[in-house]
N, C-alpha and C. Protein backbone atom coordinates (compact mmCIF):
# COMPACT_ATOMS: atom_id res chain seq x y z
N UNK A 1 91.80 -74.95 -60.93
CA UNK A 1 90.67 -74.70 -60.67
C UNK A 1 89.71 -75.78 -61.20
N UNK A 2 88.71 -75.44 -61.35
CA UNK A 2 87.23 -76.00 -62.68
C UNK A 2 87.66 -75.72 -64.03
N UNK A 3 87.95 -74.20 -64.11
CA UNK A 3 87.78 -73.72 -65.54
C UNK A 3 88.98 -74.65 -66.31
N UNK A 4 90.26 -74.26 -65.51
CA UNK A 4 91.48 -74.69 -65.69
C UNK A 4 91.34 -76.01 -66.29
N UNK A 5 90.69 -76.92 -65.43
CA UNK A 5 90.74 -78.42 -65.82
C UNK A 5 90.00 -78.68 -67.05
N UNK A 6 88.66 -77.83 -67.16
CA UNK A 6 88.02 -77.63 -68.36
C UNK A 6 88.71 -77.31 -69.79
N UNK A 7 89.41 -76.20 -69.21
CA UNK A 7 90.15 -75.56 -70.34
C UNK A 7 91.11 -76.27 -71.19
N UNK A 8 91.98 -77.43 -69.90
CA UNK A 8 92.85 -78.51 -70.41
C UNK A 8 91.78 -79.99 -71.02
N UNK A 9 90.68 -79.65 -71.34
CA UNK A 9 89.71 -80.76 -72.29
C UNK A 9 90.04 -81.82 -71.02
N UNK A 10 89.87 -81.70 -70.09
CA UNK A 10 89.90 -82.75 -68.98
C UNK A 10 88.25 -83.04 -68.17
N UNK A 11 87.56 -84.23 -68.76
CA UNK A 11 86.04 -83.95 -68.09
C UNK A 11 85.75 -83.54 -66.10
N UNK A 12 85.30 -83.08 -66.01
CA UNK A 12 84.80 -82.03 -64.57
C UNK A 12 83.57 -83.09 -63.48
N UNK A 13 83.57 -83.57 -63.27
CA UNK A 13 82.43 -85.20 -62.98
C UNK A 13 82.46 -84.16 -61.80
N UNK A 14 81.01 -83.81 -61.55
CA UNK A 14 80.29 -83.12 -60.10
C UNK A 14 78.90 -83.49 -59.83
N UNK A 15 78.54 -83.14 -58.88
CA UNK A 15 77.42 -83.39 -58.48
C UNK A 15 76.80 -82.45 -57.69
N UNK A 16 75.94 -81.67 -58.35
CA UNK A 16 75.64 -80.43 -57.73
C UNK A 16 74.82 -80.45 -56.65
N UNK A 17 75.32 -81.10 -55.53
CA UNK A 17 74.27 -80.71 -54.25
C UNK A 17 74.14 -79.68 -53.31
N UNK A 18 74.43 -79.80 -51.94
CA UNK A 18 74.65 -78.55 -51.13
C UNK A 18 75.41 -77.51 -51.27
N UNK A 19 76.33 -77.97 -51.52
CA UNK A 19 77.90 -77.34 -51.59
C UNK A 19 77.86 -76.29 -52.57
N UNK A 20 78.48 -75.07 -52.30
CA UNK A 20 78.31 -74.01 -53.48
C UNK A 20 79.27 -74.15 -54.53
N UNK A 21 80.31 -74.95 -54.48
CA UNK A 21 81.36 -75.19 -55.34
C UNK A 21 80.71 -75.89 -56.26
N UNK A 22 80.35 -77.39 -55.66
CA UNK A 22 79.35 -78.42 -56.72
C UNK A 22 78.42 -77.33 -57.98
N UNK A 23 77.85 -76.66 -57.38
CA UNK A 23 76.83 -75.95 -58.33
C UNK A 23 77.72 -75.31 -59.03
N UNK A 24 78.67 -74.35 -58.56
CA UNK A 24 79.90 -73.40 -59.28
C UNK A 24 80.53 -74.39 -60.62
N UNK A 25 80.60 -75.86 -60.36
CA UNK A 25 81.39 -76.76 -61.29
C UNK A 25 79.99 -77.17 -62.75
N UNK A 26 78.81 -77.26 -61.55
CA UNK A 26 77.64 -77.79 -62.49
C UNK A 26 77.63 -76.77 -63.71
N UNK A 27 77.81 -75.50 -63.40
CA UNK A 27 77.07 -74.02 -64.03
C UNK A 27 78.21 -74.23 -64.95
N UNK A 28 79.70 -74.55 -64.60
CA UNK A 28 80.88 -74.59 -65.78
C UNK A 28 80.21 -75.65 -66.77
N UNK A 29 80.31 -77.20 -66.13
CA UNK A 29 80.23 -77.84 -67.86
C UNK A 29 78.57 -77.57 -68.07
N UNK A 30 77.68 -76.59 -67.83
CA UNK A 30 76.32 -76.09 -68.66
C UNK A 30 76.69 -75.23 -69.59
N UNK A 31 77.87 -74.08 -69.27
CA UNK A 31 78.30 -73.35 -69.62
C UNK A 31 79.48 -73.90 -71.06
N UNK A 32 79.77 -75.26 -71.13
CA UNK A 32 80.52 -76.19 -71.78
C UNK A 32 80.03 -76.82 -72.69
N UNK A 33 78.94 -76.96 -72.84
CA UNK A 33 77.84 -77.94 -73.19
C UNK A 33 78.12 -79.72 -72.94
N UNK A 34 78.85 -79.53 -71.43
CA UNK A 34 79.14 -80.68 -70.85
C UNK A 34 78.45 -81.48 -69.70
N UNK A 35 76.88 -80.87 -69.99
CA UNK A 35 75.65 -81.37 -68.65
C UNK A 35 76.45 -83.06 -68.46
N UNK A 36 76.18 -83.66 -69.61
CA UNK A 36 76.37 -85.21 -69.43
C UNK A 36 77.30 -85.51 -68.28
N UNK A 37 78.60 -84.92 -67.62
CA UNK A 37 79.38 -84.91 -66.18
C UNK A 37 78.53 -83.98 -65.34
N UNK A 38 77.54 -83.71 -65.24
CA UNK A 38 76.66 -83.38 -63.82
C UNK A 38 75.52 -84.59 -63.27
N UNK A 39 76.52 -85.00 -62.31
CA UNK A 39 75.62 -86.47 -61.83
C UNK A 39 74.13 -85.61 -61.20
N UNK A 40 73.30 -86.89 -60.74
CA UNK A 40 71.77 -86.15 -60.09
C UNK A 40 72.13 -86.73 -58.74
N UNK A 41 72.68 -88.03 -58.65
CA UNK A 41 72.56 -88.35 -57.51
C UNK A 41 74.08 -88.73 -57.12
N UNK A 42 74.26 -89.54 -55.59
CA UNK A 42 75.97 -89.48 -55.27
C UNK A 42 76.47 -90.46 -55.52
N UNK A 43 75.63 -92.33 -56.36
CA UNK A 43 75.89 -92.98 -56.62
C UNK A 43 76.07 -92.47 -58.02
N UNK A 44 75.30 -91.83 -58.51
CA UNK A 44 75.75 -91.42 -60.13
C UNK A 44 76.98 -91.03 -60.77
N UNK A 45 77.37 -89.88 -59.30
CA UNK A 45 78.69 -89.25 -59.16
C UNK A 45 79.58 -90.22 -59.41
N UNK A 46 79.66 -91.24 -58.48
CA UNK A 46 80.53 -92.24 -58.22
C UNK A 46 80.61 -92.89 -59.39
N UNK A 47 79.59 -93.57 -59.95
CA UNK A 47 79.80 -94.58 -61.11
C UNK A 47 80.42 -93.64 -62.52
N UNK A 48 80.14 -92.57 -62.58
CA UNK A 48 80.62 -91.38 -63.76
C UNK A 48 81.85 -91.66 -63.64
N UNK A 49 82.72 -91.36 -62.60
CA UNK A 49 84.11 -91.17 -62.08
C UNK A 49 84.85 -92.32 -61.90
N UNK A 50 84.22 -93.70 -61.86
CA UNK A 50 84.86 -94.94 -61.88
C UNK A 50 84.72 -95.11 -63.24
N UNK A 51 84.15 -94.97 -64.65
CA UNK A 51 84.23 -94.81 -65.72
C UNK A 51 84.55 -94.44 -66.25
N UNK A 52 84.51 -93.07 -66.15
CA UNK A 52 85.68 -92.30 -66.91
C UNK A 52 87.13 -92.89 -66.91
N UNK A 53 87.41 -93.22 -65.24
CA UNK A 53 88.79 -93.52 -64.95
C UNK A 53 88.83 -95.17 -65.79
N UNK A 54 87.74 -95.69 -65.99
CA UNK A 54 88.43 -97.34 -66.65
C UNK A 54 88.25 -96.67 -68.15
N UNK A 55 88.32 -95.97 -68.84
CA UNK A 55 87.94 -96.01 -70.04
C UNK A 55 88.89 -94.53 -70.63
N UNK A 56 90.05 -94.01 -69.76
CA UNK A 56 91.06 -93.64 -70.12
C UNK A 56 91.69 -94.17 -71.23
N UNK A 57 92.24 -93.64 -72.06
CA UNK A 57 92.81 -94.11 -73.18
C UNK A 57 92.02 -93.74 -74.26
N UNK A 58 92.04 -94.66 -75.50
CA UNK A 58 91.50 -93.95 -76.22
C UNK A 58 90.23 -92.78 -76.49
N UNK A 59 89.47 -93.78 -75.71
CA UNK A 59 87.91 -93.03 -75.16
C UNK A 59 88.30 -91.63 -74.72
N UNK A 60 89.01 -91.70 -73.81
CA UNK A 60 89.63 -90.71 -73.04
C UNK A 60 90.41 -89.69 -73.72
N UNK A 61 90.71 -89.61 -74.98
CA UNK A 61 91.57 -88.96 -75.55
C UNK A 61 90.25 -88.15 -76.36
N UNK A 62 89.21 -88.97 -76.92
CA UNK A 62 87.95 -88.49 -77.40
C UNK A 62 87.27 -87.19 -77.02
N UNK A 63 87.13 -87.93 -75.26
CA UNK A 63 86.17 -86.75 -74.79
C UNK A 63 87.32 -85.56 -74.48
N UNK A 64 88.35 -85.51 -74.04
CA UNK A 64 89.16 -84.56 -74.27
C UNK A 64 89.20 -83.54 -75.92
N UNK A 65 89.06 -84.37 -76.94
CA UNK A 65 89.36 -83.27 -77.68
C UNK A 65 87.94 -82.83 -78.03
N UNK A 66 87.02 -83.22 -77.43
CA UNK A 66 85.58 -82.73 -77.56
C UNK A 66 85.07 -82.00 -76.80
N UNK A 67 85.81 -81.90 -75.45
CA UNK A 67 86.00 -80.83 -74.57
C UNK A 67 86.94 -79.46 -75.46
N UNK A 68 87.79 -79.85 -75.72
CA UNK A 68 88.28 -78.69 -76.23
C UNK A 68 87.89 -77.90 -77.52
N UNK A 69 87.29 -78.77 -78.39
CA UNK A 69 86.45 -78.39 -79.16
C UNK A 69 85.19 -77.28 -78.80
N UNK A 70 84.72 -77.61 -77.80
CA UNK A 70 83.62 -76.95 -77.33
C UNK A 70 84.10 -75.60 -76.81
N UNK A 71 85.41 -75.67 -76.21
CA UNK A 71 85.64 -74.49 -75.31
C UNK A 71 86.10 -73.25 -76.36
N UNK A 72 86.18 -73.45 -77.89
CA UNK A 72 85.98 -72.59 -78.99
C UNK A 72 84.68 -71.91 -78.99
N UNK A 73 83.43 -72.76 -78.36
CA UNK A 73 82.51 -71.71 -79.09
C UNK A 73 81.75 -71.72 -77.90
N UNK A 74 81.76 -72.65 -77.21
CA UNK A 74 80.84 -72.37 -75.77
C UNK A 74 80.91 -71.13 -75.06
N UNK A 75 79.97 -70.87 -74.28
CA UNK A 75 79.39 -69.60 -73.37
C UNK A 75 80.71 -69.33 -72.24
N UNK A 76 81.00 -70.47 -72.24
CA UNK A 76 81.72 -70.39 -70.41
C UNK A 76 83.06 -70.01 -70.79
N UNK A 77 83.88 -70.10 -72.18
CA UNK A 77 85.39 -69.62 -72.47
C UNK A 77 84.95 -68.39 -73.20
N UNK A 78 83.79 -67.56 -73.53
CA UNK A 78 83.47 -66.61 -74.33
C UNK A 78 83.49 -65.22 -73.57
N UNK A 79 85.31 -65.05 -73.76
CA UNK A 79 84.95 -63.49 -72.74
C UNK A 79 84.53 -62.35 -73.63
N UNK A 80 84.77 -62.25 -75.07
CA UNK A 80 84.54 -61.18 -75.40
C UNK A 80 82.99 -61.15 -75.16
N UNK A 81 82.08 -62.06 -75.89
CA UNK A 81 80.80 -62.13 -75.48
C UNK A 81 80.34 -61.57 -73.72
N UNK A 82 80.95 -62.24 -72.73
CA UNK A 82 80.97 -61.90 -71.24
C UNK A 82 80.98 -60.49 -70.91
N UNK A 83 82.04 -60.00 -71.56
CA UNK A 83 82.41 -58.39 -71.32
C UNK A 83 81.18 -57.81 -72.17
N UNK A 84 80.97 -58.27 -73.59
CA UNK A 84 79.87 -57.15 -74.42
C UNK A 84 78.41 -56.98 -73.33
N UNK A 85 78.54 -58.38 -72.94
CA UNK A 85 76.80 -58.36 -71.89
C UNK A 85 77.12 -57.71 -70.41
N UNK A 86 78.23 -57.56 -70.37
CA UNK A 86 78.55 -56.87 -69.15
C UNK A 86 78.27 -55.58 -68.86
N UNK A 87 79.26 -55.06 -70.14
CA UNK A 87 79.00 -53.48 -70.33
C UNK A 87 77.36 -53.28 -70.40
N UNK A 88 76.68 -54.21 -70.88
CA UNK A 88 74.90 -53.95 -72.01
C UNK A 88 74.60 -53.69 -70.19
N UNK A 89 75.01 -54.35 -69.37
CA UNK A 89 74.28 -54.12 -68.26
C UNK A 89 74.38 -53.22 -67.31
N UNK A 90 75.66 -52.59 -67.08
CA UNK A 90 76.16 -51.13 -66.96
C UNK A 90 75.80 -50.00 -67.85
N UNK A 91 75.18 -50.00 -68.66
CA UNK A 91 74.75 -48.84 -69.32
C UNK A 91 73.25 -49.16 -69.22
N UNK A 92 72.46 -50.28 -68.89
CA UNK A 92 71.06 -50.41 -68.24
C UNK A 92 71.28 -49.66 -67.30
N UNK A 93 72.22 -50.05 -66.19
CA UNK A 93 71.60 -49.82 -64.80
C UNK A 93 72.30 -48.40 -64.64
N UNK A 94 72.50 -47.65 -65.58
CA UNK A 94 72.99 -46.24 -65.57
C UNK A 94 71.80 -45.18 -65.97
N UNK A 95 71.29 -45.65 -67.22
CA UNK A 95 69.93 -45.57 -67.61
C UNK A 95 68.98 -45.72 -66.31
N UNK A 96 68.82 -46.54 -65.69
CA UNK A 96 67.82 -46.66 -64.22
C UNK A 96 68.01 -45.54 -63.55
N UNK A 97 69.22 -45.60 -63.58
CA UNK A 97 69.77 -44.62 -62.28
C UNK A 97 69.56 -42.90 -62.54
N UNK A 98 69.97 -43.41 -63.94
CA UNK A 98 69.70 -41.61 -64.67
C UNK A 98 68.23 -41.28 -64.47
N UNK A 99 67.52 -42.09 -65.12
CA UNK A 99 65.81 -41.81 -65.02
C UNK A 99 65.24 -41.66 -63.59
N UNK A 100 65.81 -42.04 -62.40
CA UNK A 100 65.54 -42.41 -61.31
C UNK A 100 65.94 -40.85 -60.86
N UNK A 101 67.29 -40.59 -60.92
CA UNK A 101 67.40 -38.80 -60.84
C UNK A 101 66.43 -37.98 -60.85
N UNK A 102 65.95 -37.93 -62.34
CA UNK A 102 65.11 -37.00 -62.79
C UNK A 102 63.71 -36.91 -61.96
N UNK A 103 63.98 -38.13 -61.31
CA UNK A 103 62.37 -37.91 -60.87
C UNK A 103 62.42 -37.87 -59.39
N UNK A 104 63.45 -37.43 -58.83
CA UNK A 104 63.71 -37.13 -57.33
C UNK A 104 63.61 -35.70 -56.94
């Protein structure tokens, strides 16, 4: 999957077009501070993929290390932060529900 790819430090080139999966992949790139892998056009998508393939080796290793470094701080893999935000959302939803019950 896309998240496994990013966790491994492999660039995830995507074109956020009509398909939901592509928009999800673009969101994952944003969550890992890797927006530069989101193509705005199909031609840009193709050019980006070819450029990455052509630069494999030293350049690719640098990209991989950058993605691996980002994963330790970026929101995409901040499980603790996501859990805390979800817990706050549940508490807020309960508070709204509880207030509504008092006025019924």
